[in-house]
Amino acid sequence: MEHYRLSWDFHNLFFIAYREVEFPCRTDVLKALQDIKLHCIEGAFLSVCFLNGGFEGRTEVLS
């Protein structure tokens, strides 16, 4: 079974937040990523890291 862990942090001048959540499938990860982007404060810096069986991909998005 595939297992994904999504961790992210976002910050601006006022605060820094970090969260980490585990998901059983890729679809759940992608939905969560969309939710994270929707809830980012304007101008915040968002870093997302996917881990699955040793593969790590990182993307950074300026909201």
N, C-alpha and C. Protein backbone atom coordinates (compact mmCIF):
# COMPACT_ATOMS: atom_id res chain seq x y z
N MET A 1 0.83 -1.19 0.00
CA MET A 1 0.00 0.00 0.00
C MET A 1 0.88 1.25 0.00
N GLU A 2 0.49 2.20 -0.83
CA GLU A 2 1.22 3.47 -0.85
C GLU A 2 0.94 4.24 0.43
N HIS A 3 1.94 4.97 0.86
CA HIS A 3 1.75 5.79 2.05
C HIS A 3 2.48 7.10 1.84
N TYR A 4 1.79 8.18 2.02
CA TYR A 4 2.36 9.50 1.78
C TYR A 4 2.35 10.33 3.06
N ARG A 5 3.38 11.12 3.21
CA ARG A 5 3.40 12.08 4.31
C ARG A 5 3.58 13.46 3.70
N LEU A 6 2.74 14.35 4.08
CA LEU A 6 2.78 15.72 3.58
C LEU A 6 3.16 16.64 4.74
N SER A 7 4.23 17.36 4.58
CA SER A 7 4.61 18.33 5.61
C SER A 7 4.74 19.69 4.95
N TRP A 8 4.35 20.70 5.67
CA TRP A 8 4.45 22.03 5.09
C TRP A 8 4.66 23.07 6.17
N ASP A 9 5.21 24.17 5.75
CA ASP A 9 5.32 25.32 6.64
C ASP A 9 5.07 26.57 5.81
N PHE A 10 4.49 27.54 6.41
CA PHE A 10 4.32 28.80 5.71
C PHE A 10 4.51 29.93 6.71
N HIS A 11 5.00 31.04 6.23
CA HIS A 11 5.28 32.14 7.14
C HIS A 11 5.20 33.48 6.41
N ASN A 12 4.97 34.49 7.17
CA ASN A 12 5.09 35.86 6.68
C ASN A 12 5.72 36.67 7.82
N LEU A 13 5.55 37.94 7.81
CA LEU A 13 6.21 38.75 8.84
C LEU A 13 5.61 38.55 10.23
N PHE A 14 4.42 37.98 10.30
CA PHE A 14 3.70 37.92 11.57
C PHE A 14 3.75 36.59 12.29
N PHE A 15 3.87 35.49 11.56
CA PHE A 15 3.89 34.19 12.24
C PHE A 15 4.50 33.11 11.37
N ILE A 16 4.87 32.01 12.00
CA ILE A 16 5.37 30.83 11.31
C ILE A 16 4.53 29.65 11.80
N ALA A 17 4.10 28.79 10.88
CA ALA A 17 3.31 27.61 11.26
C ALA A 17 3.89 26.38 10.56
N TYR A 18 3.81 25.25 11.23
CA TYR A 18 4.30 24.00 10.64
C TYR A 18 3.30 22.89 10.94
N ARG A 19 3.01 22.08 9.96
CA ARG A 19 2.09 20.96 10.14
C ARG A 19 2.62 19.74 9.40
N GLU A 20 2.25 18.57 9.87
CA GLU A 20 2.61 17.34 9.18
C GLU A 20 1.45 16.37 9.31
N VAL A 21 1.02 15.79 8.19
CA VAL A 21 -0.12 14.89 8.17
C VAL A 21 0.22 13.69 7.29
N GLU A 22 -0.26 12.51 7.67
CA GLU A 22 -0.04 11.31 6.87
C GLU A 22 -1.32 10.93 6.14
N PHE A 23 -1.16 10.41 4.92
CA PHE A 23 -2.30 10.03 4.09
C PHE A 23 -2.07 8.64 3.49
N PRO A 24 -3.14 7.87 3.27
CA PRO A 24 -3.01 6.54 2.69
C PRO A 24 -2.90 6.56 1.16
N CYS A 25 -3.31 7.63 0.52
CA CYS A 25 -3.26 7.64 -0.95
C CYS A 25 -2.96 9.03 -1.50
N ARG A 26 -2.49 9.04 -2.74
CA ARG A 26 -2.08 10.28 -3.40
C ARG A 26 -3.24 11.27 -3.56
N THR A 27 -4.42 10.76 -3.85
CA THR A 27 -5.58 11.64 -4.04
C THR A 27 -5.83 12.50 -2.81
N ASP A 28 -5.71 11.89 -1.62
CA ASP A 28 -5.92 12.64 -0.38
C ASP A 28 -4.85 13.71 -0.20
N VAL A 29 -3.63 13.41 -0.61
CA VAL A 29 -2.54 14.39 -0.51
C VAL A 29 -2.82 15.59 -1.41
N LEU A 30 -3.22 15.32 -2.64
CA LEU A 30 -3.47 16.40 -3.59
C LEU A 30 -4.63 17.29 -3.13
N LYS A 31 -5.66 16.67 -2.57
CA LYS A 31 -6.79 17.46 -2.05
C LYS A 31 -6.33 18.34 -0.88
N ALA A 32 -5.52 17.76 0.00
CA ALA A 32 -5.02 18.53 1.14
C ALA A 32 -4.16 19.70 0.67
N LEU A 33 -3.36 19.47 -0.37
CA LEU A 33 -2.50 20.53 -0.89
C LEU A 33 -3.35 21.70 -1.40
N GLN A 34 -4.44 21.38 -2.09
CA GLN A 34 -5.34 22.44 -2.56
C GLN A 34 -5.93 23.21 -1.38
N ASP A 35 -6.32 22.50 -0.33
CA ASP A 35 -6.87 23.16 0.86
C ASP A 35 -5.84 24.07 1.51
N ILE A 36 -4.60 23.61 1.57
CA ILE A 36 -3.53 24.41 2.17
C ILE A 36 -3.35 25.71 1.39
N LYS A 37 -3.32 25.61 0.07
CA LYS A 37 -3.14 26.81 -0.75
C LYS A 37 -4.28 27.78 -0.56
N LEU A 38 -5.50 27.26 -0.42
CA LEU A 38 -6.66 28.13 -0.25
C LEU A 38 -6.62 28.89 1.07
N HIS A 39 -6.01 28.27 2.09
CA HIS A 39 -6.01 28.88 3.40
C HIS A 39 -4.74 29.68 3.72
N CYS A 40 -3.84 29.75 2.77
CA CYS A 40 -2.63 30.53 2.99
C CYS A 40 -2.97 32.02 3.04
N ILE A 41 -2.32 32.68 3.94
CA ILE A 41 -2.48 34.14 4.01
C ILE A 41 -1.76 34.75 2.80
N GLU A 42 -2.37 35.75 2.22
CA GLU A 42 -1.78 36.39 1.05
C GLU A 42 -0.38 36.88 1.36
N GLY A 43 0.56 36.55 0.48
CA GLY A 43 1.94 36.96 0.67
C GLY A 43 2.76 36.00 1.50
N ALA A 44 2.14 34.92 1.99
CA ALA A 44 2.88 33.95 2.79
C ALA A 44 3.72 33.06 1.88
N PHE A 45 4.77 32.50 2.43
CA PHE A 45 5.64 31.59 1.69
C PHE A 45 5.31 30.17 2.13
N LEU A 46 4.99 29.32 1.16
CA LEU A 46 4.55 27.96 1.45
C LEU A 46 5.56 26.95 0.93
N SER A 47 6.03 26.06 1.80
CA SER A 47 6.93 24.99 1.40
C SER A 47 6.23 23.66 1.64
N VAL A 48 6.25 22.79 0.66
CA VAL A 48 5.59 21.49 0.79
C VAL A 48 6.57 20.39 0.46
N CYS A 49 6.54 19.34 1.26
CA CYS A 49 7.45 18.22 1.06
C CYS A 49 6.66 16.91 1.07
N PHE A 50 6.77 16.12 0.00
CA PHE A 50 6.11 14.83 -0.08
C PHE A 50 7.14 13.73 0.17
N LEU A 51 6.81 12.78 1.01
CA LEU A 51 7.71 11.65 1.23
C LEU A 51 6.94 10.36 0.97
N ASN A 52 7.51 9.48 0.17
CA ASN A 52 6.86 8.20 -0.12
C ASN A 52 7.92 7.19 -0.51
N GLY A 53 8.18 6.25 0.37
CA GLY A 53 9.13 5.19 0.06
C GLY A 53 10.50 5.68 -0.35
N GLY A 54 11.00 6.72 0.32
CA GLY A 54 12.33 7.21 0.01
C GLY A 54 12.36 8.31 -1.04
N PHE A 55 11.27 8.49 -1.77
CA PHE A 55 11.23 9.56 -2.76
C PHE A 55 10.78 10.84 -2.10
N GLU A 56 11.51 11.89 -2.35
CA GLU A 56 11.15 13.18 -1.75
C GLU A 56 11.10 14.24 -2.84
N GLY A 57 9.99 14.93 -2.90
CA GLY A 57 9.85 16.03 -3.84
C GLY A 57 9.49 17.27 -3.08
N ARG A 58 10.02 18.38 -3.50
CA ARG A 58 9.76 19.62 -2.77
C ARG A 58 9.35 20.71 -3.75
N THR A 59 8.34 21.44 -3.38
CA THR A 59 7.92 22.55 -4.21
C THR A 59 7.66 23.75 -3.32
N GLU A 60 7.96 24.92 -3.82
CA GLU A 60 7.76 26.13 -3.04
C GLU A 60 6.86 27.08 -3.83
N VAL A 61 5.84 27.57 -3.16
CA VAL A 61 4.87 28.41 -3.84
C VAL A 61 4.70 29.71 -3.09
N LEU A 62 4.75 30.81 -3.80
CA LEU A 62 4.47 32.10 -3.20
C LEU A 62 3.01 32.40 -3.46
N SER A 63 2.21 32.44 -2.41
CA SER A 63 0.77 32.62 -2.58
C SER A 63 0.43 34.06 -2.93
